[in-house]
Amino acid sequence: MSVAERLDELGLTIPAVAAPVAAYVPAVVTGQYVYTAGQLPVVDGALPVTGKVGATVDAETATAQARQAALNALAAVQSVAGSLDRVARVVKVTVFVASDPAFTGQPGVANGASTLVGDVFGEAGVHARSAVGVAVLPLDAPVEVELVVELTA
């Protein structure tokens, strides 16, 4: 089954690549690897949710936002790879969570991104991961996701 067919089965659509908010590109290819810039959970050009997780954003909402940010990261991968069918493996997922100082559920929030790539790529979506709590993210986003993927030759 192609990735496009799997996305359709999951009821997902790869969005247009989000425009960078500063001086960078959404993704670069080096050798057989794609590195994405941090992707925010932008939908139709705007952040649907802003704020700190554990304060103004609950963990469930943040998990859904991590899923959206991962979908945006897949759009960035597709933009430089040509097709998500070229993804041989998702190597690393990094999820930054803008957290209230008392919030310690970053791994649960990061599961939104991890589950998405697993659902889309199956065994090739099993990856290493970091879930990092930070004080603030660009545009007051609650989460940001980066991917490293290996492409087929």
Protein backbone atom coordinates (compact mmCIF):
# COMPACT_ATOMS: atom_id res chain seq x y z
CA MET A 1 0.00 0.00 0.00
CA SER A 2 1.36 3.43 -0.90
CA VAL A 3 1.69 6.14 1.72
CA ALA A 4 -1.00 8.14 -0.10
CA GLU A 5 -3.37 5.16 0.17
CA ARG A 6 -2.52 4.75 3.86
CA LEU A 7 -3.15 8.45 4.51
CA ASP A 8 -6.48 8.16 2.72
CA GLU A 9 -7.36 5.11 4.83
CA LEU A 10 -6.54 7.15 7.97
CA GLY A 11 -8.62 10.09 6.72
CA LEU A 12 -5.56 12.34 6.56
CA THR A 13 -4.36 14.79 3.94
CA ILE A 14 -0.84 16.16 3.70
CA PRO A 15 -1.24 19.94 3.95
CA ALA A 16 0.66 22.53 1.96
CA VAL A 17 4.09 23.21 3.42
CA ALA A 18 3.86 25.88 6.09
CA ALA A 19 5.68 29.07 5.20
CA PRO A 20 8.79 29.66 7.33
CA VAL A 21 8.42 32.33 10.00
CA ALA A 22 12.10 33.37 9.75
CA ALA A 23 15.23 32.83 7.64
CA TYR A 24 15.26 29.06 7.01
CA VAL A 25 13.78 26.40 4.72
CA PRO A 26 11.20 23.80 5.83
CA ALA A 27 13.48 20.83 5.08
CA VAL A 28 16.84 19.88 3.59
CA VAL A 29 18.17 16.68 2.07
CA THR A 30 21.72 15.57 2.72
CA GLY A 31 22.77 12.18 1.41
CA GLN A 32 19.82 9.86 2.04
CA TYR A 33 18.42 11.87 4.96
CA VAL A 34 15.84 14.62 5.27
CA TYR A 35 16.02 16.99 8.24
CA THR A 36 12.99 19.15 8.82
CA ALA A 37 12.98 22.52 10.48
CA GLY A 38 10.76 22.69 13.54
CA GLN A 39 7.16 22.56 12.38
CA LEU A 40 4.37 24.25 14.30
CA PRO A 41 0.78 22.93 14.37
CA VAL A 42 -0.35 25.49 11.80
CA VAL A 43 -3.69 24.88 10.08
CA ASP A 44 -4.66 27.07 7.12
CA GLY A 45 -1.89 29.55 7.94
CA ALA A 46 -2.76 30.05 11.62
CA LEU A 47 -2.17 28.44 14.99
CA PRO A 48 -5.50 27.09 16.28
CA VAL A 49 -4.15 26.99 19.86
CA THR A 50 -1.52 29.04 21.68
CA GLY A 51 -0.12 29.01 25.19
CA LYS A 52 1.66 26.81 27.70
CA VAL A 53 0.79 23.17 28.20
CA GLY A 54 -0.33 22.58 31.76
CA ALA A 55 -1.50 26.19 32.12
CA THR A 56 -3.76 27.44 29.31
CA VAL A 57 -3.49 24.33 27.08
CA ASP A 58 -4.45 20.89 28.40
CA ALA A 59 -2.38 17.79 27.60
CA GLU A 60 -5.06 16.26 25.35
CA THR A 61 -5.21 19.38 23.18
CA ALA A 62 -1.41 19.56 23.07
CA THR A 63 -1.22 15.91 21.96
CA ALA A 64 -3.57 16.69 19.06
CA GLN A 65 -1.42 19.72 18.22
CA ALA A 66 1.71 17.51 18.18
CA ARG A 67 -0.08 15.25 15.70
CA GLN A 68 -0.83 18.25 13.46
CA ALA A 69 2.76 19.51 13.71
CA ALA A 70 3.99 16.04 12.69
CA LEU A 71 1.62 16.09 9.71
CA ASN A 72 3.13 19.46 8.77
CA ALA A 73 6.61 17.94 9.14
CA LEU A 74 5.59 15.19 6.70
CA ALA A 75 4.56 17.94 4.26
CA ALA A 76 8.06 19.39 4.59
CA VAL A 77 9.60 15.96 3.94
CA GLN A 78 7.39 15.45 0.88
CA SER A 79 8.35 18.87 -0.46
CA VAL A 80 12.01 17.86 -0.80
CA ALA A 81 11.66 14.09 -1.34
CA GLY A 82 8.98 14.32 -4.02
CA SER A 83 6.97 11.49 -2.48
CA LEU A 84 6.49 10.07 0.99
CA ASP A 85 6.83 6.64 -0.62
CA ARG A 86 10.58 7.39 -0.66
CA VAL A 87 10.70 7.29 3.16
CA ALA A 88 12.63 4.15 4.12
CA ARG A 89 12.51 4.92 7.85
CA VAL A 90 11.61 7.63 10.30
CA VAL A 91 14.86 7.88 12.25
CA LYS A 92 14.17 10.53 14.90
CA VAL A 93 11.26 12.62 16.13
CA THR A 94 11.92 15.59 18.39
CA VAL A 95 8.95 17.24 20.08
CA PHE A 96 9.29 20.53 21.93
CA VAL A 97 6.49 21.29 24.39
CA ALA A 98 5.99 24.84 25.70
CA SER A 99 5.34 23.87 29.30
CA ASP A 100 4.14 25.37 32.52
CA PRO A 101 6.99 24.82 35.03
CA ALA A 102 4.91 22.23 36.91
CA PHE A 103 3.98 20.23 33.78
CA THR A 104 5.90 16.95 33.39
CA GLY A 105 3.79 15.14 30.78
CA GLN A 106 5.92 15.97 27.73
CA PRO A 107 6.28 12.28 26.69
CA GLY A 108 2.50 11.88 26.54
CA VAL A 109 2.15 15.01 24.42
CA ALA A 110 4.92 13.77 22.11
CA ASN A 111 2.94 10.58 21.55
CA GLY A 112 0.69 12.62 19.25
CA ALA A 113 3.57 12.92 16.78
CA SER A 114 4.93 9.41 17.37
CA THR A 115 1.56 7.76 16.88
CA LEU A 116 0.99 9.65 13.63
CA VAL A 117 4.25 8.54 12.02
CA GLY A 118 3.67 5.00 13.24
CA ASP A 119 0.17 4.97 11.79
CA VAL A 120 1.40 6.35 8.45
CA PHE A 121 4.60 4.31 7.99
CA GLY A 122 4.05 1.17 10.08
CA GLU A 123 7.30 -0.56 10.97
CA ALA A 124 9.28 2.10 9.06
CA GLY A 125 7.75 4.67 11.42
CA VAL A 126 9.31 3.18 14.57
CA HIS A 127 11.80 5.83 15.68
CA ALA A 128 14.02 7.29 18.36
CA ARG A 129 12.50 10.32 20.08
CA SER A 130 13.11 13.25 22.39
CA ALA A 131 10.31 15.06 24.23
CA VAL A 132 11.60 18.37 25.55
CA GLY A 133 9.87 20.88 27.79
CA VAL A 134 10.71 24.49 26.94
CA ALA A 135 9.69 27.89 28.27
CA VAL A 136 8.28 29.28 25.03
CA LEU A 137 8.03 28.43 21.32
CA PRO A 138 7.68 30.64 18.23
CA LEU A 139 4.35 32.48 17.95
CA ASP A 140 3.42 31.09 21.41
CA ALA A 141 2.77 27.65 19.88
CA PRO A 142 2.23 24.87 22.42
CA VAL A 143 4.34 22.34 20.46
CA GLU A 144 6.93 22.10 17.70
CA VAL A 145 8.03 18.91 15.88
CA GLU A 146 11.19 18.04 13.96
CA LEU A 147 11.77 14.87 11.93
CA VAL A 148 14.80 13.08 10.56
CA VAL A 149 13.92 10.51 7.91
CA GLU A 150 15.98 8.21 5.73
CA LEU A 151 15.07 8.01 2.05
CA THR A 152 15.35 5.07 -0.30
CA ALA A 153 18.17 5.37 -2.81
